[in-house]
N, C-alpha and C. Protein backbone atom coordinates (compact mmCIF):
# COMPACT_ATOMS: atom_id res chain seq x y z
N UNK A 1 -83.80 -71.50 283.88
CA UNK A 1 -82.41 -71.18 284.22
C UNK A 1 -82.38 -70.06 285.26
N UNK A 2 -81.66 -70.29 286.30
CA UNK A 2 -81.53 -69.32 287.39
C UNK A 2 -80.62 -68.18 286.94
N UNK A 3 -81.02 -66.95 287.25
CA UNK A 3 -80.22 -65.77 286.86
C UNK A 3 -78.79 -65.94 287.33
N UNK A 4 -78.61 -66.19 288.58
CA UNK A 4 -77.30 -66.49 289.15
C UNK A 4 -77.54 -67.17 290.48
N UNK A 5 -77.18 -68.43 290.56
CA UNK A 5 -77.45 -69.23 291.75
C UNK A 5 -76.77 -68.67 292.99
N UNK A 6 -75.76 -67.85 292.79
CA UNK A 6 -75.00 -67.36 293.93
C UNK A 6 -75.48 -66.02 294.47
N UNK A 7 -76.54 -65.44 293.88
CA UNK A 7 -76.97 -64.14 294.38
C UNK A 7 -77.41 -64.26 295.84
N UNK A 8 -77.06 -63.26 296.65
CA UNK A 8 -77.48 -63.29 298.05
C UNK A 8 -78.96 -62.93 298.20
N UNK A 9 -79.68 -63.80 298.89
CA UNK A 9 -81.12 -63.63 299.11
C UNK A 9 -81.39 -63.55 300.60
N UNK A 10 -82.26 -62.63 300.99
CA UNK A 10 -82.70 -62.53 302.38
C UNK A 10 -84.17 -62.95 302.44
N UNK A 11 -84.45 -64.01 303.18
CA UNK A 11 -85.79 -64.54 303.36
C UNK A 11 -86.31 -64.08 304.72
N UNK A 12 -87.45 -63.39 304.73
CA UNK A 12 -87.96 -62.79 305.96
C UNK A 12 -89.35 -63.34 306.27
N UNK A 13 -89.44 -64.07 307.38
CA UNK A 13 -90.72 -64.63 307.81
C UNK A 13 -90.62 -64.99 309.28
N UNK A 14 -91.67 -64.71 310.03
CA UNK A 14 -91.65 -65.02 311.47
C UNK A 14 -92.10 -66.45 311.76
N UNK A 15 -92.48 -67.20 310.74
CA UNK A 15 -92.93 -68.57 310.90
C UNK A 15 -91.85 -69.50 310.36
N UNK A 16 -91.12 -70.16 311.26
CA UNK A 16 -89.96 -70.95 310.86
C UNK A 16 -90.29 -72.09 309.89
N UNK A 17 -91.49 -72.64 309.98
CA UNK A 17 -91.87 -73.69 309.03
C UNK A 17 -91.91 -73.12 307.61
N UNK A 18 -92.43 -71.91 307.48
CA UNK A 18 -92.47 -71.27 306.16
C UNK A 18 -91.06 -70.96 305.66
N UNK A 19 -90.18 -70.55 306.56
CA UNK A 19 -88.78 -70.30 306.19
C UNK A 19 -88.18 -71.57 305.61
N UNK A 20 -88.41 -72.70 306.27
CA UNK A 20 -87.87 -73.98 305.77
C UNK A 20 -88.45 -74.35 304.41
N UNK A 21 -89.77 -74.16 304.26
CA UNK A 21 -90.43 -74.49 302.98
C UNK A 21 -89.85 -73.65 301.84
N UNK A 22 -89.79 -72.33 302.04
CA UNK A 22 -89.29 -71.44 300.98
C UNK A 22 -87.81 -71.70 300.72
N UNK A 23 -87.03 -71.92 301.77
CA UNK A 23 -85.61 -72.23 301.60
C UNK A 23 -85.44 -73.50 300.74
N UNK A 24 -86.26 -74.52 301.00
CA UNK A 24 -86.19 -75.76 300.21
C UNK A 24 -86.60 -75.52 298.76
N UNK A 25 -87.63 -74.71 298.55
CA UNK A 25 -88.04 -74.38 297.18
C UNK A 25 -86.92 -73.62 296.46
N UNK A 26 -86.29 -72.68 297.16
CA UNK A 26 -85.18 -71.93 296.57
C UNK A 26 -84.05 -72.88 296.18
N UNK A 27 -83.76 -73.83 297.05
CA UNK A 27 -82.70 -74.80 296.76
C UNK A 27 -83.06 -75.63 295.52
N UNK A 28 -84.33 -76.04 295.41
CA UNK A 28 -84.79 -76.82 294.26
C UNK A 28 -84.60 -76.09 292.95
N UNK A 29 -84.74 -74.76 292.98
CA UNK A 29 -84.59 -74.00 291.73
C UNK A 29 -83.19 -73.41 291.58
N UNK A 30 -82.29 -73.77 292.49
CA UNK A 30 -80.89 -73.45 292.30
C UNK A 30 -80.29 -72.35 293.15
N UNK A 31 -81.06 -71.77 294.06
CA UNK A 31 -80.53 -70.70 294.90
C UNK A 31 -80.10 -71.25 296.25
N UNK A 32 -78.86 -71.01 296.63
CA UNK A 32 -78.37 -71.56 297.89
C UNK A 32 -77.77 -70.52 298.82
N UNK A 33 -77.56 -69.30 298.35
CA UNK A 33 -76.97 -68.25 299.17
C UNK A 33 -78.12 -67.48 299.85
N UNK A 34 -78.73 -68.13 300.85
CA UNK A 34 -79.95 -67.60 301.48
C UNK A 34 -79.74 -67.42 302.98
N UNK A 35 -79.99 -66.19 303.43
CA UNK A 35 -80.02 -65.89 304.86
C UNK A 35 -81.48 -65.66 305.23
N UNK A 36 -81.77 -65.69 306.54
CA UNK A 36 -83.15 -65.41 306.93
C UNK A 36 -83.19 -64.52 308.15
N UNK A 37 -84.36 -63.88 308.31
CA UNK A 37 -84.62 -63.01 309.45
C UNK A 37 -86.07 -63.23 309.87
N UNK A 38 -86.36 -63.05 311.15
CA UNK A 38 -87.68 -63.36 311.69
C UNK A 38 -88.69 -62.22 311.59
N UNK A 39 -88.23 -61.01 311.27
CA UNK A 39 -89.16 -59.88 311.11
C UNK A 39 -88.44 -58.75 310.38
N UNK A 40 -89.21 -57.72 310.04
CA UNK A 40 -88.67 -56.61 309.27
C UNK A 40 -87.53 -55.89 309.96
N UNK A 41 -87.61 -55.71 311.27
CA UNK A 41 -86.54 -55.03 312.00
C UNK A 41 -85.23 -55.80 311.93
N UNK A 42 -85.31 -57.11 312.15
CA UNK A 42 -84.11 -57.95 312.06
C UNK A 42 -83.57 -57.97 310.63
N UNK A 43 -84.48 -57.96 309.67
CA UNK A 43 -84.07 -57.96 308.26
C UNK A 43 -83.35 -56.67 307.90
N UNK A 44 -83.86 -55.53 308.36
CA UNK A 44 -83.19 -54.25 308.09
C UNK A 44 -81.78 -54.26 308.67
N UNK A 45 -81.62 -54.79 309.86
CA UNK A 45 -80.30 -54.87 310.48
C UNK A 45 -79.36 -55.71 309.61
N UNK A 46 -79.84 -56.84 309.11
CA UNK A 46 -79.01 -57.70 308.25
C UNK A 46 -78.67 -56.99 306.94
N UNK A 47 -79.63 -56.26 306.39
CA UNK A 47 -79.41 -55.56 305.13
C UNK A 47 -78.39 -54.43 305.28
N UNK A 48 -78.24 -53.92 306.47
CA UNK A 48 -77.26 -52.86 306.70
C UNK A 48 -75.86 -53.44 306.90
N UNK A 49 -75.77 -54.75 307.12
CA UNK A 49 -74.48 -55.42 307.30
C UNK A 49 -74.01 -56.14 306.04
N UNK A 50 -74.95 -56.54 305.19
CA UNK A 50 -74.62 -57.32 303.99
C UNK A 50 -75.51 -56.86 302.84
N UNK A 51 -74.97 -56.87 301.64
CA UNK A 51 -75.74 -56.47 300.47
C UNK A 51 -76.47 -57.69 299.91
N UNK A 52 -77.79 -57.57 299.80
CA UNK A 52 -78.62 -58.63 299.22
C UNK A 52 -79.12 -58.18 297.87
N UNK A 53 -79.19 -59.10 296.94
CA UNK A 53 -79.71 -58.81 295.59
C UNK A 53 -81.24 -58.92 295.58
N UNK A 54 -81.76 -59.76 296.50
CA UNK A 54 -83.19 -60.04 296.52
C UNK A 54 -83.67 -60.25 297.96
N UNK A 55 -84.85 -59.70 298.25
CA UNK A 55 -85.54 -59.95 299.52
C UNK A 55 -86.85 -60.66 299.18
N UNK A 56 -87.12 -61.73 299.91
CA UNK A 56 -88.41 -62.41 299.83
C UNK A 56 -89.00 -62.32 301.22
N UNK A 57 -90.11 -61.58 301.35
CA UNK A 57 -90.65 -61.29 302.67
C UNK A 57 -92.12 -61.64 302.79
N UNK A 58 -92.48 -62.20 303.94
CA UNK A 58 -93.87 -62.41 304.27
C UNK A 58 -94.51 -61.05 304.57
N UNK A 59 -95.80 -60.93 304.36
CA UNK A 59 -96.52 -59.69 304.65
C UNK A 59 -96.84 -59.59 306.14
N UNK A 60 -97.42 -60.66 306.68
CA UNK A 60 -97.94 -60.65 308.05
C UNK A 60 -96.89 -61.11 309.05
N UNK A 61 -96.24 -60.14 309.69
CA UNK A 61 -95.23 -60.43 310.71
C UNK A 61 -95.39 -59.40 311.83
N UNK A 62 -94.87 -59.74 312.97
CA UNK A 62 -94.81 -58.83 314.11
C UNK A 62 -93.37 -58.77 314.60
N UNK A 63 -92.87 -57.72 315.15
CA UNK A 63 -93.54 -56.45 315.37
C UNK A 63 -93.56 -55.55 314.13
N UNK A 64 -92.72 -55.80 313.13
CA UNK A 64 -92.75 -54.99 311.91
C UNK A 64 -93.27 -55.85 310.76
N UNK A 65 -94.35 -55.42 310.15
CA UNK A 65 -94.94 -56.17 309.04
C UNK A 65 -94.04 -56.12 307.80
N UNK A 66 -94.28 -57.02 306.88
CA UNK A 66 -93.56 -57.01 305.63
C UNK A 66 -93.82 -55.75 304.83
N UNK A 67 -95.04 -55.22 304.93
CA UNK A 67 -95.38 -53.98 304.23
C UNK A 67 -94.58 -52.81 304.79
N UNK A 68 -94.50 -52.71 306.10
CA UNK A 68 -93.71 -51.64 306.72
C UNK A 68 -92.23 -51.81 306.39
N UNK A 69 -91.77 -53.05 306.40
CA UNK A 69 -90.39 -53.36 306.03
C UNK A 69 -90.11 -52.90 304.60
N UNK A 70 -91.01 -53.22 303.67
CA UNK A 70 -90.87 -52.80 302.28
C UNK A 70 -90.75 -51.28 302.19
N UNK A 71 -91.62 -50.57 302.89
CA UNK A 71 -91.59 -49.10 302.84
C UNK A 71 -90.26 -48.57 303.37
N UNK A 72 -89.73 -49.19 304.41
CA UNK A 72 -88.45 -48.73 304.96
C UNK A 72 -87.29 -49.03 304.01
N UNK A 73 -87.34 -50.19 303.34
CA UNK A 73 -86.30 -50.53 302.35
C UNK A 73 -86.32 -49.51 301.21
N UNK A 74 -87.50 -49.20 300.70
CA UNK A 74 -87.61 -48.27 299.57
C UNK A 74 -87.25 -46.84 299.96
N UNK A 75 -87.37 -46.49 301.23
CA UNK A 75 -87.04 -45.14 301.70
C UNK A 75 -85.55 -44.98 301.99
N UNK A 76 -84.81 -46.07 302.02
CA UNK A 76 -83.39 -46.04 302.37
C UNK A 76 -82.54 -46.01 301.09
N UNK A 77 -81.76 -44.95 300.92
CA UNK A 77 -80.95 -44.77 299.71
C UNK A 77 -80.02 -45.95 299.42
N UNK A 78 -79.48 -46.58 300.45
CA UNK A 78 -78.53 -47.68 300.23
C UNK A 78 -79.22 -49.02 299.99
N UNK A 79 -80.51 -49.12 300.29
CA UNK A 79 -81.22 -50.40 300.17
C UNK A 79 -82.27 -50.41 299.07
N UNK A 80 -82.69 -49.24 298.60
CA UNK A 80 -83.89 -49.15 297.77
C UNK A 80 -83.83 -49.88 296.43
N UNK A 81 -82.64 -50.21 295.93
CA UNK A 81 -82.56 -50.92 294.65
C UNK A 81 -82.61 -52.43 294.80
N UNK A 82 -82.77 -52.93 296.02
CA UNK A 82 -82.88 -54.37 296.23
C UNK A 82 -84.20 -54.89 295.68
N UNK A 83 -84.14 -55.95 294.87
CA UNK A 83 -85.37 -56.56 294.35
C UNK A 83 -86.17 -57.12 295.52
N UNK A 84 -87.49 -57.03 295.46
CA UNK A 84 -88.33 -57.37 296.61
C UNK A 84 -89.56 -58.15 296.16
N UNK A 85 -89.72 -59.36 296.71
CA UNK A 85 -90.89 -60.20 296.48
C UNK A 85 -91.66 -60.30 297.79
N UNK A 86 -92.95 -60.00 297.76
CA UNK A 86 -93.80 -60.11 298.94
C UNK A 86 -94.61 -61.39 298.85
N UNK A 87 -94.68 -62.13 299.97
CA UNK A 87 -95.46 -63.36 300.05
C UNK A 87 -96.59 -63.14 301.05
N UNK A 88 -97.79 -63.57 300.68
CA UNK A 88 -98.91 -63.46 301.61
C UNK A 88 -100.02 -64.44 301.26
N UNK A 89 -100.86 -64.71 302.21
CA UNK A 89 -102.06 -65.51 301.96
C UNK A 89 -103.20 -64.60 301.50
N UNK A 90 -103.00 -63.30 301.62
CA UNK A 90 -104.03 -62.31 301.24
C UNK A 90 -104.02 -62.10 299.73
N UNK A 91 -105.19 -62.18 299.12
CA UNK A 91 -105.26 -61.94 297.67
C UNK A 91 -106.07 -60.69 297.33
N UNK A 92 -106.31 -59.86 298.33
CA UNK A 92 -107.07 -58.63 298.14
C UNK A 92 -106.39 -57.72 297.11
N UNK A 93 -107.18 -57.26 296.16
CA UNK A 93 -106.66 -56.36 295.12
C UNK A 93 -106.09 -55.10 295.78
N UNK A 94 -106.75 -54.60 296.82
CA UNK A 94 -106.27 -53.39 297.49
C UNK A 94 -104.90 -53.61 298.12
N UNK A 95 -104.67 -54.76 298.74
CA UNK A 95 -103.36 -55.05 299.33
C UNK A 95 -102.28 -55.10 298.25
N UNK A 96 -102.60 -55.77 297.15
CA UNK A 96 -101.63 -55.85 296.04
C UNK A 96 -101.33 -54.45 295.51
N UNK A 97 -102.35 -53.63 295.35
CA UNK A 97 -102.14 -52.27 294.85
C UNK A 97 -101.30 -51.45 295.83
N UNK A 98 -101.57 -51.60 297.13
CA UNK A 98 -100.77 -50.89 298.14
C UNK A 98 -99.31 -51.32 298.08
N UNK A 99 -99.07 -52.62 297.92
CA UNK A 99 -97.70 -53.12 297.83
C UNK A 99 -97.01 -52.58 296.57
N UNK A 100 -97.74 -52.55 295.46
CA UNK A 100 -97.17 -52.01 294.21
C UNK A 100 -96.81 -50.54 294.38
N UNK A 101 -97.69 -49.78 294.99
CA UNK A 101 -97.43 -48.35 295.22
C UNK A 101 -96.21 -48.16 296.12
N UNK A 102 -96.02 -49.07 297.06
CA UNK A 102 -94.89 -48.97 297.99
C UNK A 102 -93.59 -49.45 297.36
N UNK A 103 -93.66 -50.06 296.18
CA UNK A 103 -92.44 -50.43 295.47
C UNK A 103 -92.10 -51.90 295.43
N UNK A 104 -93.07 -52.78 295.71
CA UNK A 104 -92.78 -54.22 295.60
C UNK A 104 -92.57 -54.56 294.12
N UNK A 105 -91.65 -55.48 293.86
CA UNK A 105 -91.36 -55.85 292.47
C UNK A 105 -92.19 -57.04 292.00
N UNK A 106 -92.58 -57.90 292.95
CA UNK A 106 -93.38 -59.06 292.61
C UNK A 106 -94.14 -59.50 293.85
N UNK A 107 -95.22 -60.24 293.64
CA UNK A 107 -96.14 -60.58 294.71
C UNK A 107 -96.53 -62.04 294.57
N UNK A 108 -96.35 -62.83 295.62
CA UNK A 108 -96.67 -64.26 295.62
C UNK A 108 -97.79 -64.54 296.60
N UNK A 109 -98.81 -65.24 296.16
CA UNK A 109 -99.91 -65.59 297.03
C UNK A 109 -99.80 -67.07 297.40
N UNK A 110 -99.85 -67.35 298.72
CA UNK A 110 -99.78 -68.73 299.20
C UNK A 110 -101.07 -69.46 298.86
N UNK A 111 -101.01 -70.75 298.58
CA UNK A 111 -99.81 -71.57 298.42
C UNK A 111 -99.21 -71.37 297.03
N UNK A 112 -97.93 -71.68 296.89
CA UNK A 112 -97.25 -71.57 295.60
C UNK A 112 -96.26 -72.72 295.47
N UNK A 113 -95.80 -72.93 294.25
CA UNK A 113 -94.84 -74.01 294.01
C UNK A 113 -93.50 -73.44 293.54
N UNK A 114 -92.56 -74.33 293.26
CA UNK A 114 -91.22 -73.89 292.88
C UNK A 114 -91.22 -73.10 291.57
N UNK A 115 -92.06 -73.49 290.61
CA UNK A 115 -92.09 -72.78 289.33
C UNK A 115 -92.64 -71.36 289.49
N UNK A 116 -93.67 -71.20 290.30
CA UNK A 116 -94.23 -69.88 290.55
C UNK A 116 -93.20 -69.01 291.26
N UNK A 117 -92.53 -69.57 292.25
CA UNK A 117 -91.48 -68.83 292.96
C UNK A 117 -90.38 -68.40 291.99
N UNK A 118 -89.96 -69.32 291.14
CA UNK A 118 -88.92 -69.02 290.15
C UNK A 118 -89.35 -67.88 289.22
N UNK A 119 -90.60 -67.92 288.76
CA UNK A 119 -91.12 -66.88 287.87
C UNK A 119 -91.16 -65.52 288.57
N UNK A 120 -91.60 -65.51 289.82
CA UNK A 120 -91.71 -64.25 290.56
C UNK A 120 -90.32 -63.67 290.88
N UNK A 121 -89.36 -64.53 291.16
CA UNK A 121 -87.98 -64.07 291.38
C UNK A 121 -87.46 -63.44 290.10
N UNK A 122 -87.66 -64.09 288.97
CA UNK A 122 -87.20 -63.55 287.68
C UNK A 122 -87.84 -62.20 287.41
N UNK A 123 -89.14 -62.07 287.71
CA UNK A 123 -89.85 -60.81 287.51
C UNK A 123 -89.24 -59.70 288.39
N UNK A 124 -88.97 -60.03 289.65
CA UNK A 124 -88.42 -59.04 290.58
C UNK A 124 -87.01 -58.62 290.17
N UNK A 125 -86.18 -59.59 289.79
CA UNK A 125 -84.81 -59.27 289.39
C UNK A 125 -84.77 -58.45 288.11
N UNK A 126 -85.70 -58.72 287.20
CA UNK A 126 -85.76 -57.96 285.95
C UNK A 126 -86.18 -56.51 286.21
N UNK A 127 -86.96 -56.29 287.27
CA UNK A 127 -87.42 -54.95 287.60
C UNK A 127 -86.32 -54.08 288.17
N UNK A 128 -85.27 -54.71 288.72
CA UNK A 128 -84.16 -53.97 289.34
C UNK A 128 -82.83 -54.57 288.90
N UNK A 129 -82.45 -54.32 287.64
CA UNK A 129 -81.21 -54.92 287.11
C UNK A 129 -79.95 -54.41 287.80
């Protein structure tokens, strides 16, 4: 069961094919209020215009990485309570630990399916009620 299908989600990835894949997975599990941005800078601009309940961001992006984007979200008083899921192909324990220290709520390693995405979203939303 989806926490609330209408929650606003910001999907951040510089690879449009991945945006389409994740958007379709979100739709399959019931989330349809999804905006997207191509990098961390564009995402920050959108977050300053609209309140999002959840951010799902790729790690590897240019010019602002997902990790740098996460750090900026957590440093901003008006944005820091937004639930945040990081997506990456990297499974390095050190990267995961760095993301946790920076305040990520959940971490998804590619490839993943709709059930894994659903579980990670639930974990992130529970971390920031």
